[in-house]
């Protein structure tokens, strides 16, 4: 069983690509026309060779990618308090979906 973590866009008709098993994470705006105007992170289906907008080969790659556009982002903790977005926590979450 193999699942990669990749960056991808929706199809031209606004659907999740068939090679994505679990996706829609950490959207980043891009310069494409709607509905392909966001780049997402997701896990591929088992055995897919697709890399779409690029594979994130290590957890460090995920952190670096997230830092490129979320350095000023905020999120809410379990009590509802606004805190700084944790790229480390987010990368651990998405990386847990990868299977070698």
N, C-alpha and C. Protein backbone atom coordinates (compact mmCIF):
# COMPACT_ATOMS: atom_id res chain seq x y z
N UNK A 1 0.85 -1.17 0.00
CA UNK A 1 0.00 0.00 0.00
C UNK A 1 0.90 1.24 0.00
N UNK A 2 0.61 2.18 -0.90
CA UNK A 2 1.39 3.42 -1.01
C UNK A 2 0.46 4.60 -1.25
N UNK A 3 0.57 5.60 -0.41
CA UNK A 3 -0.17 6.85 -0.59
C UNK A 3 0.83 7.99 -0.42
N UNK A 4 0.87 8.88 -1.41
CA UNK A 4 1.77 10.03 -1.36
C UNK A 4 1.00 11.27 -0.91
N UNK A 5 1.74 12.24 -0.42
CA UNK A 5 1.16 13.54 -0.09
C UNK A 5 1.55 14.49 -1.22
N UNK A 6 0.53 15.08 -1.86
CA UNK A 6 0.77 15.94 -3.01
C UNK A 6 -0.04 17.23 -2.90
N UNK A 7 0.35 18.20 -3.73
CA UNK A 7 -0.42 19.42 -3.92
C UNK A 7 -1.25 19.20 -5.19
N UNK A 8 -2.49 19.67 -5.19
CA UNK A 8 -3.35 19.46 -6.36
C UNK A 8 -4.41 20.55 -6.43
N UNK A 9 -5.02 20.66 -7.60
CA UNK A 9 -6.15 21.56 -7.82
C UNK A 9 -7.37 20.71 -8.17
N UNK A 10 -8.55 21.30 -8.04
CA UNK A 10 -9.77 20.63 -8.49
C UNK A 10 -9.72 20.47 -10.01
N UNK A 11 -10.53 19.58 -10.52
CA UNK A 11 -10.63 19.41 -11.97
C UNK A 11 -11.31 20.65 -12.57
N UNK A 12 -11.29 20.77 -13.87
CA UNK A 12 -11.88 21.94 -14.53
C UNK A 12 -13.39 22.05 -14.28
N UNK A 13 -14.03 20.93 -13.92
CA UNK A 13 -15.46 20.98 -13.59
C UNK A 13 -15.70 21.04 -12.07
N UNK A 14 -14.65 21.36 -11.30
CA UNK A 14 -14.80 21.60 -9.87
C UNK A 14 -14.85 20.38 -8.99
N UNK A 15 -14.39 19.25 -9.48
CA UNK A 15 -14.43 18.00 -8.69
C UNK A 15 -13.06 17.65 -8.15
N UNK A 16 -13.06 16.84 -7.11
CA UNK A 16 -11.81 16.32 -6.56
C UNK A 16 -11.27 15.31 -7.56
N UNK A 17 -9.99 15.40 -7.92
CA UNK A 17 -9.42 14.45 -8.89
C UNK A 17 -9.53 13.00 -8.39
N UNK A 18 -9.67 12.09 -9.32
CA UNK A 18 -9.86 10.67 -8.96
C UNK A 18 -8.64 10.07 -8.27
N UNK A 19 -7.48 10.68 -8.40
CA UNK A 19 -6.27 10.14 -7.76
C UNK A 19 -6.12 10.61 -6.31
N UNK A 20 -7.07 11.41 -5.80
CA UNK A 20 -7.02 11.86 -4.40
C UNK A 20 -7.96 11.00 -3.56
N UNK A 21 -7.38 10.43 -2.49
CA UNK A 21 -8.17 9.62 -1.56
C UNK A 21 -8.70 10.48 -0.41
N UNK A 22 -7.87 11.36 0.09
CA UNK A 22 -8.22 12.19 1.24
C UNK A 22 -7.56 13.55 1.04
N UNK A 23 -8.34 14.55 0.76
CA UNK A 23 -7.74 15.84 0.44
C UNK A 23 -8.58 17.03 0.87
N UNK A 24 -8.21 18.18 0.31
CA UNK A 24 -8.89 19.42 0.62
C UNK A 24 -8.25 20.18 1.77
N UNK A 25 -7.04 19.80 2.12
CA UNK A 25 -6.37 20.39 3.27
C UNK A 25 -5.54 21.62 2.89
N UNK A 26 -5.54 22.59 3.80
CA UNK A 26 -4.66 23.76 3.77
C UNK A 26 -4.63 24.46 2.40
N UNK A 27 -5.80 24.96 1.95
CA UNK A 27 -5.89 25.60 0.64
C UNK A 27 -5.00 26.84 0.53
N UNK A 28 -4.43 26.99 -0.65
CA UNK A 28 -3.59 28.14 -0.97
C UNK A 28 -4.11 28.74 -2.27
N UNK A 29 -4.41 30.04 -2.29
CA UNK A 29 -4.87 30.65 -3.54
C UNK A 29 -3.75 30.61 -4.59
N UNK A 30 -4.16 30.45 -5.85
CA UNK A 30 -3.19 30.49 -6.95
C UNK A 30 -3.74 31.41 -8.03
N UNK A 31 -3.09 31.49 -9.15
CA UNK A 31 -3.50 32.42 -10.21
C UNK A 31 -4.37 31.80 -11.27
N UNK A 32 -4.94 30.64 -11.00
CA UNK A 32 -5.80 29.97 -11.98
C UNK A 32 -7.22 30.51 -11.89
N UNK A 33 -8.01 30.24 -12.93
CA UNK A 33 -9.42 30.60 -12.93
C UNK A 33 -10.21 29.60 -12.10
N UNK A 34 -11.32 30.06 -11.53
CA UNK A 34 -12.23 29.20 -10.78
C UNK A 34 -12.77 28.11 -11.71
N UNK A 35 -12.90 26.90 -11.28
CA UNK A 35 -12.80 26.39 -9.92
C UNK A 35 -11.41 25.87 -9.54
N UNK A 36 -10.40 26.21 -10.32
CA UNK A 36 -9.05 25.71 -10.06
C UNK A 36 -8.16 26.80 -9.44
N UNK A 37 -8.79 27.70 -8.70
CA UNK A 37 -8.08 28.85 -8.14
C UNK A 37 -7.51 28.62 -6.74
N UNK A 38 -7.56 27.38 -6.29
CA UNK A 38 -6.96 27.00 -5.00
C UNK A 38 -6.13 25.75 -5.21
N UNK A 39 -5.00 25.68 -4.51
CA UNK A 39 -4.16 24.48 -4.49
C UNK A 39 -4.32 23.87 -3.10
N UNK A 40 -4.61 22.58 -3.06
CA UNK A 40 -4.83 21.86 -1.82
C UNK A 40 -3.72 20.85 -1.58
N UNK A 41 -3.67 20.32 -0.37
CA UNK A 41 -2.80 19.20 -0.03
C UNK A 41 -3.69 18.00 0.23
N UNK A 42 -3.24 16.83 -0.26
CA UNK A 42 -4.01 15.63 -0.02
C UNK A 42 -3.19 14.37 -0.19
N UNK A 43 -3.77 13.26 0.20
CA UNK A 43 -3.16 11.94 0.05
C UNK A 43 -3.74 11.27 -1.18
N UNK A 44 -2.88 10.66 -1.97
CA UNK A 44 -3.33 9.98 -3.18
C UNK A 44 -3.99 8.66 -2.84
N UNK A 45 -4.70 8.12 -3.81
CA UNK A 45 -5.23 6.77 -3.67
C UNK A 45 -4.06 5.79 -3.66
N UNK A 46 -4.30 4.64 -3.13
CA UNK A 46 -3.27 3.62 -3.02
C UNK A 46 -2.64 3.32 -4.38
N UNK A 47 -1.33 3.43 -4.46
CA UNK A 47 -0.58 3.07 -5.65
C UNK A 47 -0.53 4.11 -6.76
N UNK A 48 -1.12 5.26 -6.57
CA UNK A 48 -1.13 6.30 -7.61
C UNK A 48 0.28 6.82 -7.87
N UNK A 49 0.58 7.07 -9.13
CA UNK A 49 1.84 7.69 -9.53
C UNK A 49 1.68 9.19 -9.76
N UNK A 50 0.48 9.70 -9.58
CA UNK A 50 0.17 11.11 -9.84
C UNK A 50 0.89 12.01 -8.83
N UNK A 51 1.46 13.12 -9.34
CA UNK A 51 2.07 14.11 -8.46
C UNK A 51 1.44 15.49 -8.65
N UNK A 52 0.55 15.66 -9.61
CA UNK A 52 -0.21 16.89 -9.85
C UNK A 52 0.65 18.14 -9.77
N UNK A 53 0.47 18.96 -8.74
CA UNK A 53 1.20 20.22 -8.58
C UNK A 53 2.52 20.02 -7.83
N UNK A 54 2.82 18.79 -7.48
CA UNK A 54 4.09 18.48 -6.82
C UNK A 54 3.89 17.60 -5.59
N UNK A 55 4.81 16.68 -5.43
CA UNK A 55 4.79 15.80 -4.26
C UNK A 55 5.54 16.46 -3.10
N UNK A 56 5.02 16.28 -1.91
CA UNK A 56 5.69 16.71 -0.69
C UNK A 56 6.29 15.43 -0.10
N UNK A 57 7.58 15.24 -0.33
CA UNK A 57 8.23 13.95 -0.07
C UNK A 57 8.60 13.71 1.39
N UNK A 58 8.70 14.78 2.17
CA UNK A 58 9.06 14.64 3.58
C UNK A 58 8.15 15.53 4.42
N UNK A 59 8.09 15.25 5.71
CA UNK A 59 7.32 16.10 6.61
C UNK A 59 7.91 17.51 6.59
N UNK A 60 9.23 17.62 6.47
CA UNK A 60 9.87 18.94 6.38
C UNK A 60 9.41 19.70 5.14
N UNK A 61 9.18 18.99 4.03
CA UNK A 61 8.65 19.62 2.82
C UNK A 61 7.27 20.21 3.09
N UNK A 62 6.46 19.48 3.85
CA UNK A 62 5.11 19.97 4.18
C UNK A 62 5.22 21.23 5.03
N UNK A 63 6.08 21.20 6.04
CA UNK A 63 6.26 22.38 6.90
C UNK A 63 6.72 23.58 6.07
N UNK A 64 7.71 23.38 5.22
CA UNK A 64 8.22 24.48 4.39
C UNK A 64 7.15 25.04 3.47
N UNK A 65 6.37 24.16 2.86
CA UNK A 65 5.29 24.61 1.99
C UNK A 65 4.27 25.41 2.78
N UNK A 66 3.86 24.91 3.93
CA UNK A 66 2.88 25.64 4.74
C UNK A 66 3.43 26.99 5.20
N UNK A 67 4.69 27.03 5.57
CA UNK A 67 5.31 28.29 6.00
C UNK A 67 5.32 29.32 4.87
N UNK A 68 5.31 28.85 3.62
CA UNK A 68 5.37 29.78 2.49
C UNK A 68 4.12 30.63 2.36
N UNK A 69 3.01 30.23 3.02
CA UNK A 69 1.79 31.03 2.90
C UNK A 69 0.94 31.10 4.17
N UNK A 70 1.38 30.48 5.25
CA UNK A 70 0.57 30.52 6.47
C UNK A 70 1.32 31.12 7.66
N UNK A 71 2.42 31.81 7.41
CA UNK A 71 3.24 32.29 8.53
C UNK A 71 2.48 33.27 9.43
N UNK A 72 1.50 33.99 8.91
CA UNK A 72 0.71 34.93 9.71
C UNK A 72 -0.69 34.40 10.05
N UNK A 73 -0.95 33.14 9.73
CA UNK A 73 -2.28 32.57 9.93
C UNK A 73 -2.58 32.29 11.40
N UNK A 74 -3.85 32.33 11.71
CA UNK A 74 -4.35 32.04 13.06
C UNK A 74 -5.32 30.86 12.99
N UNK A 75 -5.52 30.21 14.13
CA UNK A 75 -6.52 29.17 14.26
C UNK A 75 -7.07 29.26 15.68
N UNK A 76 -8.08 28.50 15.97
CA UNK A 76 -8.66 28.50 17.31
C UNK A 76 -8.30 27.20 18.02
N UNK A 77 -7.95 27.35 19.30
CA UNK A 77 -7.66 26.15 20.08
C UNK A 77 -8.97 25.53 20.56
N UNK A 78 -8.87 24.47 21.35
CA UNK A 78 -10.07 23.74 21.79
C UNK A 78 -10.99 24.58 22.68
N UNK A 79 -10.48 25.68 23.24
CA UNK A 79 -11.32 26.56 24.07
C UNK A 79 -11.92 27.70 23.26
N UNK A 80 -11.53 27.81 21.99
CA UNK A 80 -12.02 28.88 21.14
C UNK A 80 -11.11 30.09 21.09
N UNK A 81 -10.01 30.04 21.83
CA UNK A 81 -9.06 31.15 21.84
C UNK A 81 -8.26 31.16 20.54
N UNK A 82 -8.08 32.35 19.95
CA UNK A 82 -7.30 32.48 18.73
C UNK A 82 -5.81 32.37 19.05
N UNK A 83 -5.14 31.48 18.32
CA UNK A 83 -3.71 31.24 18.51
C UNK A 83 -3.03 31.22 17.15
N UNK A 84 -1.70 31.26 17.16
CA UNK A 84 -0.92 31.17 15.93
C UNK A 84 -1.10 29.78 15.31
N UNK A 85 -1.28 29.73 14.01
CA UNK A 85 -1.39 28.47 13.29
C UNK A 85 -0.10 27.69 13.44
N UNK A 86 -0.20 26.41 13.77
CA UNK A 86 0.97 25.57 13.98
C UNK A 86 1.25 24.74 12.72
N UNK A 87 2.26 25.15 11.96
CA UNK A 87 2.65 24.40 10.77
C UNK A 87 3.14 23.00 11.16
N UNK A 88 3.78 22.90 12.30
CA UNK A 88 4.28 21.61 12.77
C UNK A 88 3.12 20.65 13.04
N UNK A 89 2.11 21.12 13.75
CA UNK A 89 0.93 20.30 14.05
C UNK A 89 0.19 19.92 12.76
N UNK A 90 0.03 20.91 11.88
CA UNK A 90 -0.66 20.66 10.60
C UNK A 90 0.11 19.65 9.75
N UNK A 91 1.44 19.77 9.73
CA UNK A 91 2.23 18.84 8.92
C UNK A 91 2.16 17.43 9.49
N UNK A 92 2.13 17.30 10.80
CA UNK A 92 2.00 15.97 11.42
C UNK A 92 0.67 15.34 11.03
N UNK A 93 -0.39 16.16 11.04
CA UNK A 93 -1.71 15.66 10.68
C UNK A 93 -1.74 15.14 9.24
N UNK A 94 -1.30 15.96 8.31
CA UNK A 94 -1.35 15.53 6.91
C UNK A 94 -0.36 14.40 6.65
N UNK A 95 0.79 14.43 7.29
CA UNK A 95 1.80 13.38 7.08
C UNK A 95 1.30 12.04 7.57
N UNK A 96 0.41 12.02 8.57
CA UNK A 96 -0.14 10.77 9.09
C UNK A 96 -1.00 10.05 8.06
N UNK A 97 -1.41 10.73 7.01
CA UNK A 97 -2.22 10.13 5.96
C UNK A 97 -1.39 9.43 4.89
N UNK A 98 -0.08 9.62 4.94
CA UNK A 98 0.84 9.00 4.00
C UNK A 98 1.08 7.54 4.37
N UNK A 99 1.17 6.70 3.36
CA UNK A 99 1.45 5.27 3.58
C UNK A 99 2.53 4.85 2.61
N UNK A 100 3.57 4.20 3.13
CA UNK A 100 4.65 3.68 2.26
C UNK A 100 4.41 2.23 1.97
